[in-house]
Amino acid sequence: MKFMKLGSKPDAFQSDAADVKYVVSDLATDVVVHVGTVKFYLHKFPLLSKSSKLQRLVLKATEDGTDEVHIDDLPGGAKTFEICAKFCYGMVVTLSPHNVVATRCAAEYLEMTEDMEKGNLIFKIEVFINSSILRSWKDSIIVLQSTKAMLPWSEELKVVGRSIDAIASKTSVDPANVTWSYSHNSKKGVACAEIVESTGKSSLAPKDWWVEDLCELDVDLYKRVMVAIKSKGRMSPELIGEALKAYAVRWLPDSYDALVAEDYMRRNQCLVETIIWLLPSDKSSGCSCRFLLKLLTVALLVGAGEHVKEELMRRISFQLHKATVKDLLLPAASPNDGTYDAQLVHNLVQRFVARTALSHNGGFVEKSDEKMIELNFEQESTLSVGELVDGYLSEVASDPDLSLSTFVELATAVPEAARPVHDGLYYAVDAYLKEHKDISKADKKKICSLVDVKKLSTDASMHATQNDRLPLRLVVQVLFFQQLRAGSSKEFALTGNGAHDCIRPMTDQCDPCERRIPKHPNSLNKQVTSLSAGESEHHRISEHRGSRNSFKDQLGGLLLQSRSRRIFDKLWSTKGQGEHGGKGSETSSSSQSPPLSAKPAEVKPSPLPPLRNRRYSVS
């Protein structure tokens, strides 16, 4: 901290009481100056030689036949007048960042200019401010803080503007030239540190070394400083966002009661509106989605303007995929609307979906690598939002005041592509049914229709088959697709066993089939020969294809061979019935040379397992 001493004579001011001050001198005082409630018994000559204002006041008092002068609107009051009076007497006074602004304003009020005397108080203070104060980081902040009590004088004298410019310029200094800011040093037990010239020694100062210090400013001054920093264009949006977050943490209360207290409601409202106004222009960077959602929560609680909420929601929609379920648990504006504001979340999801849809529609105009990477990112973010919505629904489903229409609207707000698996949605529906037990059959059918049983995992399907809260029709659907899935798994397993057969020579492909099928009459042998020839032809075609289609050819061979096996099994079972049942001739004649494109027998699900100890009402 910088200091400046003026004068050389010892301090001769004394006090009789708290409101009476006088100068110890051999000469009797000849003027009484009233500054507020304090009386100063002084001498005319020292004062009138340096202050044009006092000259006029004393002259007027003399004309009125009195020796008392009244000054009621002096900036800084009696304390600053005493400093100015001591300067007039040539006594020692000490100027510091804490009193220099008040003294400068008082000197301006008293008109202590160069016209009265060379090297007057205004001149000396200006030299001190420009050469010392504004070159120091911490002193500039102290001076800026002290200007608020001196308005409008400090504004008219441009002390505020000069301090803001000095602070904004210093924030863009290379961190290598910064030893530390005073707030950081206070934590480390160091007295203070400043911006210094580079000495070739590596510095430990981070890029955000200035963030914490600015948090001490009042909101209006902070706003002006941040505007000046942003206008220089040297600060990244991430650092701007970090500074705003630190300021919000510093001044916004943590508790709900303190946030909405009547005495601080207006202050908190002004604070959150200022922070939102200062957000970086880049909507997708600078501030995290969690921070934006917290600001939205505060804005809702303190009753911020609609334009503020609109701006926040627009920014949140750009990075909604980065949010968590906890971040979305925004309190409802009215107790009648439930615990959480699901309608607001629905609005956010709609904005996100609309933005991604617009981006996707124009994405294929230019098929460049960067464009495809952007599209892949959009797909990933859409999937993340789908999971986020399902998790949010599971959390708010326990709210007894959550209406069915709100639940359905939010569940259907995301596109189908955002929900490839319906496990999360199923558990959310189950949680809603568990809490809302009195729901009607029609409403239960409506909410359960949101779940696509074909997109349930095995675990979710098993849970659904044992869930008493679900309609019987939905449980039957789950069981049906479970059986289909089991049949498909068996078929895939059979196909997998023959995975190497399709790439073997033709003779090797026929061997397994011939070993599994016994020798039968000539009609069956012809069918085997025909099928084997067809597979051989498919194999020869696949050998001449490029490496690009080899996988598809092999997969085709697998499907063809599996199809052949099913035909063989069907023919063999039919032939066996003919031999034992007296209808062999009909079977042989009807099954000769079946075409390879014949549709295989459909895989029928096994009978449903018995449902034990359950009662259902078919809805």
Foldseek 3Di string as FASTA:
>chain_A
DDKDKFFDAADQWDAPDPQEIEGDDPDFFQAWEAWPRHIYRHHDVLLVLQFPQVVVQCVVQVVVVHRYGYDYPQQPIPVLVVVLSCNSVRHIDMDALQCLLSNLLNCVVRVRDVVSPNPTDNVVSVCCCVVPQLQWQLSLLSNLQNVVSRPPSCVVVCSNVSSLLSNLVVLLDDCQQWQAQCVVCVVVVHRGTTRHDHPVDGHPQDSLRPLLVLLVHQLVSSLSSLVSNVVVVRDDLQSQLVSLLNNCVSPQDDDLCVLQPPVCLVVLLVSLLSSLVSHDPPLQDNHDLLSLLVSLLSCLSSVHDPVSNVSSLLSNLNPVLRDALVSQQRQDSDVLQWGGDLVSVLVSLLSNQVVLVVLVVPLPPDPDPVSVVVNVVSLVSLLSVLLRLLVNLLVCLLTLSDDLVSSVSSNPSRDPSNPQACLSLLNSLLSNCVNCVVDDPVSLVVSVVSDDLLRYDPVSLVVLCQDQSHAPVVNVVSLQVVLVVVLVVVLVVVLVVCLCLLQDALVSVLVVVDVVADDDDPQVVQQSVVLSVVSNVLSVVLVPDDPVCNVVSSVVSSVLVSQVVLLRVVLRVVCVCCVVVVNNVVSSVVPGRDDSPDDGDDDGGDDGDDDPPHDHDHD
